C-alpha atoms as a PDB file:
ATOM      1  CA  MET A   1       0.000   0.000   0.000  1.00  0.00           C
ATOM      2  CA  GLN A   2       2.835   2.420   0.788  1.00  0.00           C
ATOM      3  CA  LEU A   3       4.452   1.592  -2.577  1.00  0.00           C
ATOM      4  CA  LYS A   4       1.142   2.221  -4.329  1.00  0.00           C
ATOM      5  CA  LEU A   5       0.716   5.635  -2.695  1.00  0.00           C
ATOM      6  CA  PHE A   6       4.331   6.510  -3.548  1.00  0.00           C
ATOM      7  CA  PHE A   7       3.835   5.766  -7.238  1.00  0.00           C
ATOM      8  CA  ILE A   8       0.504   7.622  -7.324  1.00  0.00           C
ATOM      9  CA  THR A   9       1.930  10.800  -5.801  1.00  0.00           C
ATOM     10  CA  THR A  10       5.184  10.589  -7.810  1.00  0.00           C
ATOM     11  CA  LEU A  11       3.924   9.671 -11.275  1.00  0.00           C
ATOM     12  CA  PHE A  12       0.651  11.579 -11.024  1.00  0.00           C
ATOM     13  CA  PRO A  13       1.304  14.644  -8.850  1.00  0.00           C
ATOM     14  CA  THR A  14      -2.007  16.245  -9.867  1.00  0.00           C
ATOM     15  CA  ILE A  15      -4.016  13.419  -8.286  1.00  0.00           C
ATOM     16  CA  VAL A  16      -5.346  14.349  -4.859  1.00  0.00           C
ATOM     17  CA  LEU A  17      -5.852  11.558  -2.336  1.00  0.00           C
ATOM     18  CA  SER A  18      -9.464  11.261  -1.187  1.00  0.00           C
ATOM     19  CA  ASP A  19      -9.967  11.697   2.547  1.00  0.00           C
ATOM     20  CA  ALA A  20     -13.682  12.464   2.334  1.00  0.00           C
ATOM     21  CA  PRO A  21     -16.633  10.582   0.817  1.00  0.00           C
ATOM     22  CA  GLU A  22     -17.253  10.998  -2.894  1.00  0.00           C
ATOM     23  CA  LYS A  23     -20.408  10.705  -4.984  1.00  0.00           C
ATOM     24  CA  TRP A  24     -21.297   7.127  -5.882  1.00  0.00           C
ATOM     25  CA  GLN A  25     -18.267   5.858  -4.024  1.00  0.00           C
ATOM     26  CA  LEU A  26     -17.995   2.075  -3.783  1.00  0.00           C
ATOM     27  CA  GLY A  27     -14.501   1.525  -2.399  1.00  0.00           C
ATOM     28  CA  PHE A  28     -12.558   2.759   0.594  1.00  0.00           C
ATOM     29  CA  GLN A  29     -11.174   6.218   1.114  1.00  0.00           C
ATOM     30  CA  ASP A  30      -7.420   6.497   0.682  1.00  0.00           C
ATOM     31  CA  PRO A  31      -5.608   5.241   3.806  1.00  0.00           C
ATOM     32  CA  ALA A  32      -3.471   7.514   5.963  1.00  0.00           C
ATOM     33  CA  THR A  33      -2.551   5.174   8.811  1.00  0.00           C
ATOM     34  CA  PRO A  34      -0.933   1.717   8.945  1.00  0.00           C
ATOM     35  CA  ILE A  35      -4.146   0.346  10.473  1.00  0.00           C
ATOM     36  CA  MET A  36      -6.272   1.504   7.539  1.00  0.00           C
ATOM     37  CA  GLU A  37      -3.731   0.070   5.113  1.00  0.00           C
ATOM     38  CA  GLY A  38      -4.035  -3.269   6.929  1.00  0.00           C
ATOM     39  CA  ILE A  39      -7.835  -3.124   6.794  1.00  0.00           C
ATOM     40  CA  ILE A  40      -7.804  -2.521   3.034  1.00  0.00           C
ATOM     41  CA  ASN A  41      -5.253  -5.279   2.436  1.00  0.00           C
ATOM     42  CA  LEU A  42      -7.319  -7.737   4.505  1.00  0.00           C
ATOM     43  CA  HIS A  43     -10.424  -6.744   2.547  1.00  0.00           C
ATOM     44  CA  HIS A  44      -8.652  -7.453  -0.752  1.00  0.00           C
ATOM     45  CA  ASP A  45      -7.438 -10.823   0.545  1.00  0.00           C
ATOM     46  CA  LEU A  46     -10.965 -11.779   1.602  1.00  0.00           C
ATOM     47  CA  MET A  47     -12.418 -10.643  -1.720  1.00  0.00           C
ATOM     48  CA  PHE A  48     -10.093 -13.087  -3.504  1.00  0.00           C
ATOM     49  CA  PHE A  49     -11.549 -16.020  -1.569  1.00  0.00           C
ATOM     50  CA  ILE A  50     -15.094 -14.698  -1.946  1.00  0.00           C
ATOM     51  CA  CYS A  51     -14.741 -14.383  -5.723  1.00  0.00           C
ATOM     52  CA  VAL A  52     -13.237 -17.869  -6.102  1.00  0.00           C
ATOM     53  CA  ILE A  53     -15.939 -19.456  -3.907  1.00  0.00           C
ATOM     54  CA  SER A  54     -18.737 -17.558  -5.666  1.00  0.00           C
ATOM     55  CA  ILE A  55     -17.520 -18.629  -9.110  1.00  0.00           C
ATOM     56  CA  PHE A  56     -17.130 -22.256  -8.023  1.00  0.00           C
ATOM     57  CA  VAL A  57     -20.569 -22.427  -6.361  1.00  0.00           C
ATOM     58  CA  SER A  58     -22.232 -20.756  -9.352  1.00  0.00           C
ATOM     59  CA  TRP A  59     -20.503 -23.209 -11.709  1.00  0.00           C
ATOM     60  CA  MET A  60     -21.627 -26.184  -9.609  1.00  0.00           C
ATOM     61  CA  LEU A  61     -25.192 -24.872  -9.422  1.00  0.00           C
ATOM     62  CA  GLY A  62     -25.280 -24.330 -13.188  1.00  0.00           C
ATOM     63  CA  ARG A  63     -23.992 -27.819 -13.900  1.00  0.00           C
ATOM     64  CA  THR A  64     -26.532 -29.275 -11.481  1.00  0.00           C
ATOM     65  CA  LEU A  65     -29.442 -27.467 -13.124  1.00  0.00           C
ATOM     66  CA  TRP A  66     -28.209 -28.452 -16.580  1.00  0.00           C
ATOM     67  CA  TYR A  67     -27.371 -32.119 -16.102  1.00  0.00           C
ATOM     68  CA  PHE A  68     -30.092 -33.015 -13.608  1.00  0.00           C
ATOM     69  CA  ASN A  69     -32.942 -31.558 -15.599  1.00  0.00           C
ATOM     70  CA  PHE A  70     -35.734 -34.134 -15.966  1.00  0.00           C
ATOM     71  CA  ASN A  71     -35.694 -33.734 -19.760  1.00  0.00           C
ATOM     72  CA  ARG A  72     -32.040 -34.807 -19.908  1.00  0.00           C
ATOM     73  CA  ASN A  73     -32.162 -37.536 -17.249  1.00  0.00           C
ATOM     74  CA  LEU A  74     -35.421 -39.438 -17.198  1.00  0.00           C
ATOM     75  CA  ILE A  75     -34.033 -41.850 -14.600  1.00  0.00           C
ATOM     76  CA  PRO A  76     -32.843 -39.925 -11.505  1.00  0.00           C
ATOM     77  CA  SER A  77     -29.658 -40.849  -9.690  1.00  0.00           C
ATOM     78  CA  THR A  78     -29.970 -43.033  -6.597  1.00  0.00           C
ATOM     79  CA  LEU A  79     -26.789 -41.718  -4.978  1.00  0.00           C
ATOM     80  CA  THR A  80     -27.511 -40.542  -1.417  1.00  0.00           C
ATOM     81  CA  HIS A  81     -24.118 -40.237   0.281  1.00  0.00           C
ATOM     82  CA  GLY A  82     -20.540 -39.585  -0.751  1.00  0.00           C
ATOM     83  CA  THR A  83     -17.923 -39.859   1.970  1.00  0.00           C
ATOM     84  CA  LEU A  84     -15.156 -38.275  -0.101  1.00  0.00           C
ATOM     85  CA  ILE A  85     -17.115 -35.218  -1.189  1.00  0.00           C
ATOM     86  CA  GLU A  86     -18.380 -34.655   2.344  1.00  0.00           C
ATOM     87  CA  MET A  87     -14.814 -34.703   3.628  1.00  0.00           C
ATOM     88  CA  VAL A  88     -13.739 -32.278   0.907  1.00  0.00           C
ATOM     89  CA  TRP A  89     -16.472 -29.710   1.556  1.00  0.00           C
ATOM     90  CA  THR A  90     -15.791 -29.876   5.292  1.00  0.00           C
ATOM     91  CA  VAL A  91     -11.984 -29.719   5.260  1.00  0.00           C
ATOM     92  CA  THR A  92     -11.660 -27.105   2.494  1.00  0.00           C
ATOM     93  CA  PRO A  93     -13.714 -24.339   4.221  1.00  0.00           C
ATOM     94  CA  ALA A  94     -11.911 -25.045   7.502  1.00  0.00           C
ATOM     95  CA  PHE A  95      -8.561 -24.687   5.740  1.00  0.00           C
ATOM     96  CA  ILE A  96      -9.679 -21.406   4.119  1.00  0.00           C
ATOM     97  CA  LEU A  97     -10.771 -20.046   7.510  1.00  0.00           C
ATOM     98  CA  LEU A  98      -7.369 -20.883   8.970  1.00  0.00           C
ATOM     99  CA  ILE A  99      -5.670 -18.975   6.151  1.00  0.00           C
ATOM    100  CA  ILE A 100      -7.930 -15.962   6.767  1.00  0.00           C
ATOM    101  CA  ALA A 101      -7.426 -16.103  10.544  1.00  0.00           C
ATOM    102  CA  ILE A 102      -3.672 -15.414  10.424  1.00  0.00           C
ATOM    103  CA  PRO A 103      -3.809 -11.867   8.923  1.00  0.00           C
ATOM    104  CA  SER A 104      -7.081 -11.005  10.664  1.00  0.00           C
ATOM    105  CA  PHE A 105      -5.749 -11.843  14.141  1.00  0.00           C
ATOM    106  CA  SER A 106      -2.582  -9.836  13.552  1.00  0.00           C
ATOM    107  CA  LEU A 107      -4.679  -6.872  12.391  1.00  0.00           C
ATOM    108  CA  LEU A 108      -6.936  -7.111  15.449  1.00  0.00           C
ATOM    109  CA  TYR A 109      -3.882  -7.153  17.702  1.00  0.00           C
ATOM    110  CA  ALA A 110      -2.451  -4.090  15.952  1.00  0.00           C
ATOM    111  CA  MET A 111      -5.752  -2.220  16.295  1.00  0.00           C
ATOM    112  CA  ASP A 112      -5.916  -2.838  20.044  1.00  0.00           C
ATOM    113  CA  GLU A 113      -2.271  -2.068  20.723  1.00  0.00           C
ATOM    114  CA  VAL A 114      -1.580   1.389  22.142  1.00  0.00           C
ATOM    115  CA  ILE A 115       2.101   2.269  21.781  1.00  0.00           C
ATOM    116  CA  SER A 116       3.411   4.680  24.414  1.00  0.00           C
ATOM    117  CA  PRO A 117       1.581   7.801  23.196  1.00  0.00           C
ATOM    118  CA  ALA A 118       3.301  11.153  22.827  1.00  0.00           C
ATOM    119  CA  ILE A 119      -0.038  12.999  22.930  1.00  0.00           C
ATOM    120  CA  THR A 120      -3.337  12.147  24.610  1.00  0.00           C
ATOM    121  CA  ILE A 121      -6.560  13.788  23.446  1.00  0.00           C
ATOM    122  CA  LYS A 122      -9.943  13.358  25.091  1.00  0.00           C
ATOM    123  CA  THR A 123     -12.958  13.315  22.777  1.00  0.00           C
ATOM    124  CA  LEU A 124     -16.401  13.804  24.283  1.00  0.00           C
ATOM    125  CA  GLY A 125     -19.575  13.218  22.290  1.00  0.00           C
ATOM    126  CA  ARG A 126     -22.493  15.511  23.043  1.00  0.00           C
ATOM    127  CA  GLN A 127     -25.954  16.142  21.570  1.00  0.00           C
ATOM    128  CA  TRP A 128     -25.019  17.048  18.887  1.00  0.00           C
ATOM    129  CA  TYR A 129     -21.409  18.129  18.628  1.00  0.00           C
ATOM    130  CA  TRP A 130     -17.954  17.036  19.761  1.00  0.00           C
ATOM    131  CA  SER A 131     -15.748  18.432  22.515  1.00  0.00           C
ATOM    132  CA  TYR A 132     -11.963  18.026  22.597  1.00  0.00           C
ATOM    133  CA  GLU A 133      -9.523  18.357  25.463  1.00  0.00           C
ATOM    134  CA  TYR A 134      -5.713  18.435  25.194  1.00  0.00           C
ATOM    135  CA  SER A 135      -4.803  17.542  28.769  1.00  0.00           C
ATOM    136  CA  ASP A 136      -1.053  17.402  28.118  1.00  0.00           C
ATOM    137  CA  TYR A 137      -0.819  21.182  27.832  1.00  0.00           C
ATOM    138  CA  SER A 138      -1.826  23.893  30.298  1.00  0.00           C
ATOM    139  CA  ASP A 139      -1.344  27.626  30.670  1.00  0.00           C
ATOM    140  CA  GLU A 140      -0.018  29.519  33.686  1.00  0.00           C
ATOM    141  CA  GLN A 141      -3.384  29.206  35.422  1.00  0.00           C
ATOM    142  CA  GLY A 142      -3.392  25.440  34.951  1.00  0.00           C
ATOM    143  CA  ASN A 143      -6.149  25.466  32.335  1.00  0.00           C
ATOM    144  CA  SER A 144      -5.831  22.868  29.585  1.00  0.00           C
ATOM    145  CA  ILE A 145      -6.863  23.327  25.959  1.00  0.00           C
ATOM    146  CA  GLU A 146     -10.575  22.665  25.550  1.00  0.00           C
ATOM    147  CA  PHE A 147     -12.949  23.547  22.704  1.00  0.00           C
ATOM    148  CA  ASP A 148     -16.185  22.446  21.076  1.00  0.00           C
ATOM    149  CA  SER A 149     -16.529  21.450  17.439  1.00  0.00           C
ATOM    150  CA  TYR A 150     -19.825  22.294  15.728  1.00  0.00           C
ATOM    151  CA  MET A 151     -20.888  21.662  12.163  1.00  0.00           C
ATOM    152  CA  ILE A 152     -20.800  24.741   9.939  1.00  0.00           C
ATOM    153  CA  PRO A 153     -24.330  25.488   8.667  1.00  0.00           C
ATOM    154  CA  GLU A 154     -24.863  25.205   4.939  1.00  0.00           C
ATOM    155  CA  GLU A 155     -25.501  28.934   4.515  1.00  0.00           C
ATOM    156  CA  ASP A 156     -22.112  29.751   6.128  1.00  0.00           C
ATOM    157  CA  LEU A 157     -19.977  27.444   3.977  1.00  0.00           C
ATOM    158  CA  GLU A 158     -17.175  28.956   1.928  1.00  0.00           C
ATOM    159  CA  LEU A 159     -16.227  27.948  -1.592  1.00  0.00           C
ATOM    160  CA  GLY A 160     -14.660  24.466  -1.593  1.00  0.00           C
ATOM    161  CA  GLN A 161     -15.932  23.416   1.829  1.00  0.00           C
ATOM    162  CA  LEU A 162     -17.906  20.197   2.131  1.00  0.00           C
ATOM    163  CA  ARG A 163     -21.590  20.260   3.062  1.00  0.00           C
ATOM    164  CA  LEU A 164     -22.449  18.529   6.368  1.00  0.00           C
ATOM    165  CA  LEU A 165     -18.765  17.706   6.948  1.00  0.00           C
ATOM    166  CA  GLU A 166     -17.079  21.004   7.853  1.00  0.00           C
ATOM    167  CA  VAL A 167     -16.670  22.145  11.457  1.00  0.00           C
ATOM    168  CA  ASP A 168     -15.738  25.441  13.076  1.00  0.00           C
ATOM    169  CA  ASN A 169     -12.947  23.961  15.247  1.00  0.00           C
ATOM    170  CA  ARG A 170     -10.885  21.068  13.926  1.00  0.00           C
ATOM    171  CA  MET A 171      -8.989  18.542  15.971  1.00  0.00           C
ATOM    172  CA  VAL A 172      -5.313  19.225  15.129  1.00  0.00           C
ATOM    173  CA  ILE A 173      -2.601  16.567  15.480  1.00  0.00           C
ATOM    174  CA  PRO A 174       0.997  16.274  14.223  1.00  0.00           C
ATOM    175  CA  ILE A 175       2.206  13.894  11.550  1.00  0.00           C
ATOM    176  CA  ASN A 176       4.182  10.711  12.347  1.00  0.00           C
ATOM    177  CA  THR A 177       3.327  10.814  16.056  1.00  0.00           C
ATOM    178  CA  HIS A 178       1.761   8.157  18.265  1.00  0.00           C
ATOM    179  CA  ILE A 179      -1.473   9.636  19.578  1.00  0.00           C
ATOM    180  CA  ARG A 180      -3.960   8.193  22.038  1.00  0.00           C
ATOM    181  CA  VAL A 181      -7.591   9.272  21.712  1.00  0.00           C
ATOM    182  CA  ILE A 182      -9.790   8.728  24.767  1.00  0.00           C
ATOM    183  CA  VAL A 183     -13.440   8.648  23.733  1.00  0.00           C
ATOM    184  CA  SER A 184     -16.495   9.074  25.936  1.00  0.00           C
ATOM    185  CA  ALA A 185     -19.950  10.680  25.849  1.00  0.00           C
ATOM    186  CA  ALA A 186     -21.828  13.115  28.034  1.00  0.00           C
ATOM    187  CA  ASP A 187     -25.398  12.072  27.274  1.00  0.00           C
ATOM    188  CA  VAL A 188     -26.179   9.219  24.865  1.00  0.00           C
ATOM    189  CA  LEU A 189     -24.232   6.751  22.723  1.00  0.00           C
ATOM    190  CA  HIS A 190     -22.050   8.256  19.996  1.00  0.00           C
ATOM    191  CA  SER A 191     -19.289   6.864  17.798  1.00  0.00           C
ATOM    192  CA  TRP A 192     -16.131   8.700  16.733  1.00  0.00           C
ATOM    193  CA  ALA A 193     -15.338   7.404  13.243  1.00  0.00           C
ATOM    194  CA  ILE A 194     -12.930   8.561  10.522  1.00  0.00           C
ATOM    195  CA  PRO A 195     -12.660   6.169   7.552  1.00  0.00           C
ATOM    196  CA  SER A 196      -9.286   7.317   6.175  1.00  0.00           C
ATOM    197  CA  LEU A 197      -7.671   6.846   9.580  1.00  0.00           C
ATOM    198  CA  GLY A 198      -9.215   3.419  10.098  1.00  0.00           C
ATOM    199  CA  ILE A 199     -10.802   4.357  13.406  1.00  0.00           C
ATOM    200  CA  LYS A 200     -14.306   3.832  14.777  1.00  0.00           C
ATOM    201  CA  CYS A 201     -14.573   4.075  18.540  1.00  0.00           C
ATOM    202  CA  ASP A 202     -17.819   4.051  20.507  1.00  0.00           C
ATOM    203  CA  ALA A 203     -18.482   6.947  22.870  1.00  0.00           C
ATOM    204  CA  ILE A 204     -20.364   5.573  25.883  1.00  0.00           C
ATOM    205  CA  PRO A 205     -21.537   7.682  28.844  1.00  0.00           C
ATOM    206  CA  GLY A 206     -19.645   6.802  32.021  1.00  0.00           C
ATOM    207  CA  ARG A 207     -17.006   4.761  30.183  1.00  0.00           C
ATOM    208  CA  LEU A 208     -13.648   5.608  28.610  1.00  0.00           C
ATOM    209  CA  ASN A 209     -12.652   3.885  25.384  1.00  0.00           C
ATOM    210  CA  GLN A 210      -9.289   4.456  23.785  1.00  0.00           C
ATOM    211  CA  ALA A 211      -7.872   4.250  20.281  1.00  0.00           C
ATOM    212  CA  SER A 212      -4.470   4.982  18.803  1.00  0.00           C
ATOM    213  CA  LEU A 213      -3.492   7.028  15.763  1.00  0.00           C
ATOM    214  CA  PHE A 214      -0.309   7.286  13.728  1.00  0.00           C
ATOM    215  CA  VAL A 215      -0.993   9.405  10.663  1.00  0.00           C
ATOM    216  CA  LYS A 216       1.598   9.231   7.885  1.00  0.00           C
ATOM    217  CA  ARG A 217       0.658  12.223   5.744  1.00  0.00           C
ATOM    218  CA  GLU A 218      -0.666  15.722   6.240  1.00  0.00           C
ATOM    219  CA  GLY A 219      -4.179  16.643   5.255  1.00  0.00           C
ATOM    220  CA  LEU A 220      -7.799  16.996   6.303  1.00  0.00           C
ATOM    221  CA  TYR A 221      -9.649  13.836   7.308  1.00  0.00           C
ATOM    222  CA  TYR A 222     -13.423  13.823   7.517  1.00  0.00           C
ATOM    223  CA  GLY A 223     -15.689  11.596   9.565  1.00  0.00           C
ATOM    224  CA  GLN A 224     -19.081  11.530  11.237  1.00  0.00           C
ATOM    225  CA  CYS A 225     -20.804  10.108  14.272  1.00  0.00           C
ATOM    226  CA  SER A 226     -21.544   6.489  13.378  1.00  0.00           C
ATOM    227  CA  GLU A 227     -24.098   5.772  16.083  1.00  0.00           C
ATOM    228  CA  ILE A 228     -27.751   6.770  15.770  1.00  0.00           C
ATOM    229  CA  CYS A 229     -27.740   9.223  18.660  1.00  0.00           C
ATOM    230  CA  GLY A 230     -30.859  11.287  18.097  1.00  0.00           C
ATOM    231  CA  ILE A 231     -32.599  13.721  15.816  1.00  0.00           C
ATOM    232  CA  ASN A 232     -29.387  15.543  14.798  1.00  0.00           C
ATOM    233  CA  HIS A 233     -27.285  12.412  14.425  1.00  0.00           C
ATOM    234  CA  GLY A 234     -26.349  13.326  10.853  1.00  0.00           C
ATOM    235  CA  PHE A 235     -25.139  16.793  11.842  1.00  0.00           C
ATOM    236  CA  MET A 236     -22.145  16.160  14.098  1.00  0.00           C
ATOM    237  CA  PRO A 237     -19.195  15.689  11.721  1.00  0.00           C
ATOM    238  CA  ILE A 238     -15.547  15.180  12.654  1.00  0.00           C
ATOM    239  CA  VAL A 239     -12.581  16.892  11.015  1.00  0.00           C
ATOM    240  CA  VAL A 240      -9.005  15.980  11.914  1.00  0.00           C
ATOM    241  CA  GLU A 241      -6.304  18.277  10.576  1.00  0.00           C
ATOM    242  CA  VAL A 242      -2.866  16.668  10.407  1.00  0.00           C
ATOM    243  CA  VAL A 243       0.010  19.148  10.229  1.00  0.00           C
ATOM    244  CA  SER A 244       3.762  19.170  10.597  1.00  0.00           C
ATOM    245  CA  LEU A 245       5.230  19.132  14.090  1.00  0.00           C
ATOM    246  CA  LYS A 246       6.346  22.756  13.726  1.00  0.00           C
ATOM    247  CA  ASN A 247       2.850  23.928  12.793  1.00  0.00           C
ATOM    248  CA  TYR A 248       1.367  21.834  15.584  1.00  0.00           C
ATOM    249  CA  VAL A 249       3.589  23.506  18.192  1.00  0.00           C
ATOM    250  CA  THR A 250       2.548  26.898  16.800  1.00  0.00           C
ATOM    251  CA  TRP A 251      -1.125  25.926  17.029  1.00  0.00           C
ATOM    252  CA  ILE A 252      -0.709  24.761  20.640  1.00  0.00           C
ATOM    253  CA  SER A 253       1.043  28.015  21.552  1.00  0.00           C
ATOM    254  CA  ASN A 254      -1.747  30.076  20.011  1.00  0.00           C
ATOM    255  CA  LYS A 255      -4.386  28.058  21.842  1.00  0.00           C
ATOM    256  CA  LEU A 256      -2.638  28.513  25.189  1.00  0.00           C
ATOM    257  CA  SER A 257      -2.295  32.258  24.674  1.00  0.00           C
ATOM    258  CA  ASP A 258      -5.972  32.752  23.749  1.00  0.00           C
END
């Protein structure tokens, strides 16, 4: 996946990687984290087995309908059991599941692993917006960075901004940094989900869930609440802005001085 992205950005510099949903989109958004790359690779591996099995089953069904039609075989077969074929169709699926289990278990382990984070950000789902808290930083009065993130109304959008996906305050993180996101909710169930980052973490009142991020390229990454949380469920988007470490330090300094 990394090699693919390298060739795309090198040979076709005018192509912009998609980190937001597109019209009539069928596939995944372009990955920006190792986890999302692993999810896409696992999906492609599974699709190989699904296609092979679908073709084989369709071929067998077609042959059955063709050769066992009553017009072609007036005398039906009396075969009732076949030990060999029953062994084959039992062992073969089990073997395929074992092959699938190896990459899927490693991906699950990687998704749950939280490597010593350099930054911890608390995300709180509310009806119907998100609140963010950067507890690692505080000003002279001991106040940490806290802000709310609301969706920008359609009438206030600027040229080039995405409808129902833009927010007034973005969550800003640096590139190539291990980040821990602690997710919770203040009222009802929410879900903090960003497809390009390969993250979907439930926000549950009274409980802290955590997820890890390691973003490999700068950009804007769009997501939405993925839990039906009420009447305005479709109006609490998520925007993560990934910047260089230098720009991130500048942003933190400006937030602390506000």
